[in-house]
Protein backbone atom coordinates (compact mmCIF):
# COMPACT_ATOMS: atom_id res chain seq x y z
CA UNK A 1 33.29 174.33 47.13
CA UNK A 2 33.75 174.76 50.90
CA UNK A 3 34.12 178.21 52.49
CA UNK A 4 37.70 177.40 53.44
CA UNK A 5 38.64 176.41 49.91
CA UNK A 6 36.93 179.51 48.48
CA UNK A 7 38.78 181.79 50.85
CA UNK A 8 42.04 180.10 50.12
CA UNK A 9 41.54 180.80 46.41
CA UNK A 10 40.93 184.46 47.18
CA UNK A 11 43.86 184.73 49.56
CA UNK A 12 46.17 183.17 46.98
CA UNK A 13 45.93 186.09 44.54
CA UNK A 14 48.87 186.18 42.17
CA UNK A 15 51.83 187.98 43.77
CA UNK A 16 54.58 187.01 41.32
CA UNK A 17 54.78 186.03 37.68
CA UNK A 18 56.60 182.88 36.74
CA UNK A 19 60.06 183.63 35.37
CA UNK A 20 60.93 182.30 31.93
CA UNK A 21 63.70 179.74 31.80
CA UNK A 22 66.46 180.72 29.38
CA UNK A 23 68.49 178.02 27.68
CA UNK A 24 72.25 178.26 28.26
CA UNK A 25 75.16 176.97 26.22
CA UNK A 26 76.15 173.42 27.00
CA UNK A 27 79.40 174.40 28.73
CA UNK A 28 77.65 176.93 30.94
CA UNK A 29 74.90 174.42 31.74
CA UNK A 30 77.53 171.98 32.97
CA UNK A 31 79.00 174.59 35.31
CA UNK A 32 75.58 175.66 36.62
CA UNK A 33 73.19 172.68 36.43
CA UNK A 34 69.51 173.62 36.28
CA UNK A 35 67.67 173.32 39.59
CA UNK A 36 63.90 173.43 40.00
CA UNK A 37 62.90 176.09 42.53
CA UNK A 38 59.59 177.33 43.88
CA UNK A 39 58.19 180.23 41.84
CA UNK A 40 55.45 181.19 44.29
CA UNK A 41 54.46 180.96 47.93
CA UNK A 42 51.87 178.77 49.62
CA UNK A 43 49.90 179.83 52.69
CA UNK A 44 50.01 177.73 55.85
CA UNK A 45 46.80 177.35 57.89
CA UNK A 46 45.99 175.69 61.23
CA UNK A 47 46.20 171.89 60.89
CA UNK A 48 42.98 171.60 62.92
CA UNK A 49 39.53 171.86 61.33
CA UNK A 50 37.31 174.40 63.09
CA UNK A 51 38.37 176.73 65.91
CA UNK A 52 41.74 176.38 67.61
CA UNK A 53 44.15 178.44 69.72
CA UNK A 54 47.63 179.67 68.90
CA UNK A 55 50.25 179.05 71.63
CA UNK A 56 47.51 178.76 74.24
CA UNK A 57 49.62 179.22 77.37
CA UNK A 58 52.32 181.48 75.94
CA UNK A 59 54.99 178.79 76.23
CA UNK A 60 55.41 177.77 72.57
CA UNK A 61 55.93 180.93 70.46
CA UNK A 62 57.44 180.18 67.04
CA UNK A 63 60.21 182.69 67.69
CA UNK A 64 61.73 180.26 70.21
CA UNK A 65 59.72 177.02 70.34
CA UNK A 66 61.79 173.87 70.01
CA UNK A 67 62.19 172.36 66.56
CA UNK A 68 62.48 168.59 66.66
CA UNK A 69 62.36 167.36 63.08
CA UNK A 70 64.48 167.80 59.95
CA UNK A 71 63.81 167.63 56.23
CA UNK A 72 66.34 167.48 53.39
CA UNK A 73 69.07 167.32 56.04
CA UNK A 74 68.09 170.63 57.68
CA UNK A 75 66.29 171.38 60.94
CA UNK A 76 62.82 172.74 60.22
CA UNK A 77 62.47 176.54 59.99
CA UNK A 78 59.93 177.18 62.76
CA UNK A 79 57.40 175.47 64.98
CA UNK A 80 54.37 176.27 67.12
CA UNK A 81 51.78 174.41 69.19
CA UNK A 82 48.15 174.88 68.10
CA UNK A 83 45.59 173.81 70.69
CA UNK A 84 42.22 172.10 70.62
CA UNK A 85 40.68 169.52 72.94
CA UNK A 86 40.83 165.83 71.97
CA UNK A 87 38.63 164.73 69.07
CA UNK A 88 39.09 167.65 66.66
CA UNK A 89 39.82 166.69 63.04
CA UNK A 90 43.43 167.17 61.90
CA UNK A 91 43.99 168.27 58.29
CA UNK A 92 46.78 169.44 56.00
CA UNK A 93 47.99 172.96 56.82
CA UNK A 94 48.75 173.87 53.21
CA UNK A 95 46.59 176.12 51.05
CA UNK A 96 45.10 174.80 47.82
CA UNK A 97 46.60 177.47 45.51
CA UNK A 98 49.99 179.15 45.19
CA UNK A 99 50.29 182.92 45.16
CA UNK A 100 50.58 182.59 41.36
CA UNK A 101 47.20 180.84 41.24
CA UNK A 102 48.48 177.34 40.51
CA UNK A 103 47.01 174.30 42.20
CA UNK A 104 49.00 172.85 45.10
CA UNK A 105 49.65 169.12 45.35
CA UNK A 106 50.20 167.78 48.88
CA UNK A 107 51.73 164.35 49.40
CA UNK A 108 52.49 162.36 52.54
CA UNK A 109 56.25 161.90 52.92
CA UNK A 110 56.53 160.74 56.54
CA UNK A 111 54.38 158.57 58.78
CA UNK A 112 55.99 157.52 62.05
CA UNK A 113 55.45 157.64 65.80
CA UNK A 114 56.27 161.18 66.83
CA UNK A 115 58.23 160.48 70.01
CA UNK A 116 61.70 158.95 70.12
CA UNK A 117 60.37 156.01 72.16
CA UNK A 118 58.45 154.82 69.09
CA UNK A 119 55.39 154.29 71.29
CA UNK A 120 52.20 155.96 70.03
CA UNK A 121 50.93 156.21 73.62
CA UNK A 122 53.70 158.74 74.32
CA UNK A 123 52.65 161.29 71.69
CA UNK A 124 50.80 159.89 68.73
CA UNK A 125 51.78 160.13 65.07
CA UNK A 126 54.07 162.45 63.17
CA UNK A 127 52.73 163.00 59.65
CA UNK A 128 55.04 164.77 57.20
CA UNK A 129 53.50 166.55 54.21
CA UNK A 130 55.12 168.03 51.10
CA UNK A 131 53.56 170.85 49.07
CA UNK A 132 54.46 171.35 45.43
CA UNK A 133 53.32 173.61 42.60
CA UNK A 134 51.23 171.37 40.33
CA UNK A 135 51.93 173.53 37.26
CA UNK A 136 55.71 173.64 37.56
CA UNK A 137 56.42 170.55 39.63
CA UNK A 138 58.52 172.65 42.02
CA UNK A 139 58.53 171.52 45.64
CA UNK A 140 57.74 174.55 47.81
CA UNK A 141 57.98 173.24 51.35
CA UNK A 142 57.08 170.66 53.96
CA UNK A 143 55.19 170.53 57.24
CA UNK A 144 55.41 168.02 60.07
CA UNK A 145 52.13 167.56 61.94
CA UNK A 146 52.79 165.93 65.31
CA UNK A 147 50.63 164.42 68.11
CA UNK A 148 48.01 163.04 65.70
CA UNK A 149 45.65 160.40 67.11
CA UNK A 150 43.46 157.88 65.26
CA UNK A 151 45.32 158.09 61.93
CA UNK A 152 43.38 156.39 59.10
CA UNK A 153 45.15 153.54 57.30
CA UNK A 154 44.90 155.49 54.03
CA UNK A 155 47.27 158.15 55.38
CA UNK A 156 50.48 156.49 54.27
CA UNK A 157 53.68 157.59 52.56
CA UNK A 158 52.93 158.44 48.93
CA UNK A 159 49.26 159.29 49.48
CA UNK A 160 47.94 162.57 48.07
CA UNK A 161 45.77 164.60 50.44
CA UNK A 162 43.47 167.57 49.94
CA UNK A 163 42.81 170.50 52.29
CA UNK A 164 39.98 168.60 53.99
CA UNK A 165 41.45 165.10 54.02
CA UNK A 166 41.26 163.74 57.55
CA UNK A 167 44.75 162.92 58.84
CA UNK A 168 43.42 161.87 62.24
CA UNK A 169 42.33 163.83 65.28
CA UNK A 170 43.73 165.68 68.25
CA UNK A 171 44.38 163.37 71.18
CA UNK A 172 45.43 163.15 74.78
CA UNK A 173 48.49 161.03 75.42
CA UNK A 174 50.22 159.91 78.57
CA UNK A 175 52.51 162.40 80.30
CA UNK A 176 56.14 162.01 79.30
CA UNK A 177 59.21 164.07 78.45
CA UNK A 178 57.86 164.09 74.89
CA UNK A 179 54.33 165.13 75.83
CA UNK A 180 54.01 167.27 78.94
CA UNK A 181 50.25 167.70 79.11
CA UNK A 182 48.12 167.36 82.25
CA UNK A 183 44.59 167.92 80.93
CA UNK A 184 42.40 168.10 77.84
CA UNK A 185 42.92 171.85 77.49
CA UNK A 186 46.60 171.12 76.89
CA UNK A 187 45.91 168.85 73.91
CA UNK A 188 47.59 170.30 70.83
CA UNK A 189 49.18 169.73 67.47
CA UNK A 190 52.88 170.48 67.25
CA UNK A 191 53.40 172.01 63.80
CA UNK A 192 56.81 172.41 62.15
CA UNK A 193 57.38 174.04 58.75
CA UNK A 194 60.32 174.26 56.34
CA UNK A 195 61.05 175.69 52.88
CA UNK A 196 62.70 173.72 50.10
CA UNK A 197 64.98 176.72 49.50
CA UNK A 198 65.84 179.58 51.87
CA UNK A 199 63.51 179.97 54.87
CA UNK A 200 59.75 180.02 55.48
CA UNK A 201 58.01 182.36 57.93
CA UNK A 202 55.19 182.48 60.48
CA UNK A 203 52.53 185.15 61.01
CA UNK A 204 53.18 186.67 64.43
CA UNK A 205 50.29 186.93 66.90
CA UNK A 206 49.76 186.97 70.63
CA UNK A 207 49.54 183.91 72.86
CA UNK A 208 46.07 182.42 73.03
CA UNK A 209 44.91 184.06 69.79
CA UNK A 210 41.80 182.43 68.32
CA UNK A 211 42.26 180.72 64.94
CA UNK A 212 39.79 179.53 62.32
CA UNK A 213 40.05 177.42 59.18
CA UNK A 214 40.85 180.60 57.23
CA UNK A 215 43.56 182.06 59.48
CA UNK A 216 46.93 182.16 57.78
CA UNK A 217 49.61 181.19 60.29
CA UNK A 218 52.59 181.21 57.93
CA UNK A 219 53.94 180.83 54.42
CA UNK A 220 56.29 178.48 52.59
CA UNK A 221 58.19 179.56 49.50
CA UNK A 222 59.26 182.86 51.04
CA UNK A 223 62.88 184.01 50.99
CA UNK A 224 63.50 184.79 54.63
CA UNK A 225 67.13 185.02 55.68
CA UNK A 226 66.99 182.66 58.64
CA UNK A 227 64.87 180.35 60.79
CA UNK A 228 62.17 181.38 63.26
CA UNK A 229 61.37 184.65 61.45
CA UNK A 230 57.97 186.29 61.15
CA UNK A 231 56.54 187.13 57.73
């Protein structure tokens, strides 16, 4: 087991117990149909393997950074740019265990050019991932990982990925309204996160903060009251 996976298991210590589902009379069940909801949270980590930088130039804090993508008909909860020079491996940002200790299943739900032009040269791939609780089947949240270069053919809608599955790598794309980068130090992954229910949160930190594989940058499955909130 890798150090990152081991730490993720430790960090995902049980915080809540699963609530028992009570059967209701048929009439009541018709008025209030059962809905599967997340019973635990899942940590969000940097989508870049190895060292990276949070909001390198202080221009993309999650409290105000633009959110571009939507899931389930709603604009994503928060976003941030995480920086590393071209060639770094891009991975899933989701932890491998829920806070209740259940395994997390991560599936690819979106694969498309990230920029509105549809041209990969303008900003690479957008890869959408969905995290669910393997024990309950509850979908906890999604993440959109944008500006991915060199995506393997196996990363396609419906594929299941692990915490170390290579989604591609950081890249340098041509300057455009979608990708305003002038040098390799500006290469980054644009990360957006959303809950299935209520709102997810980010872990606040200063611009240019150093990140590692084990740095928690947010959580899905939380019950925040609105978008762009810190945990």
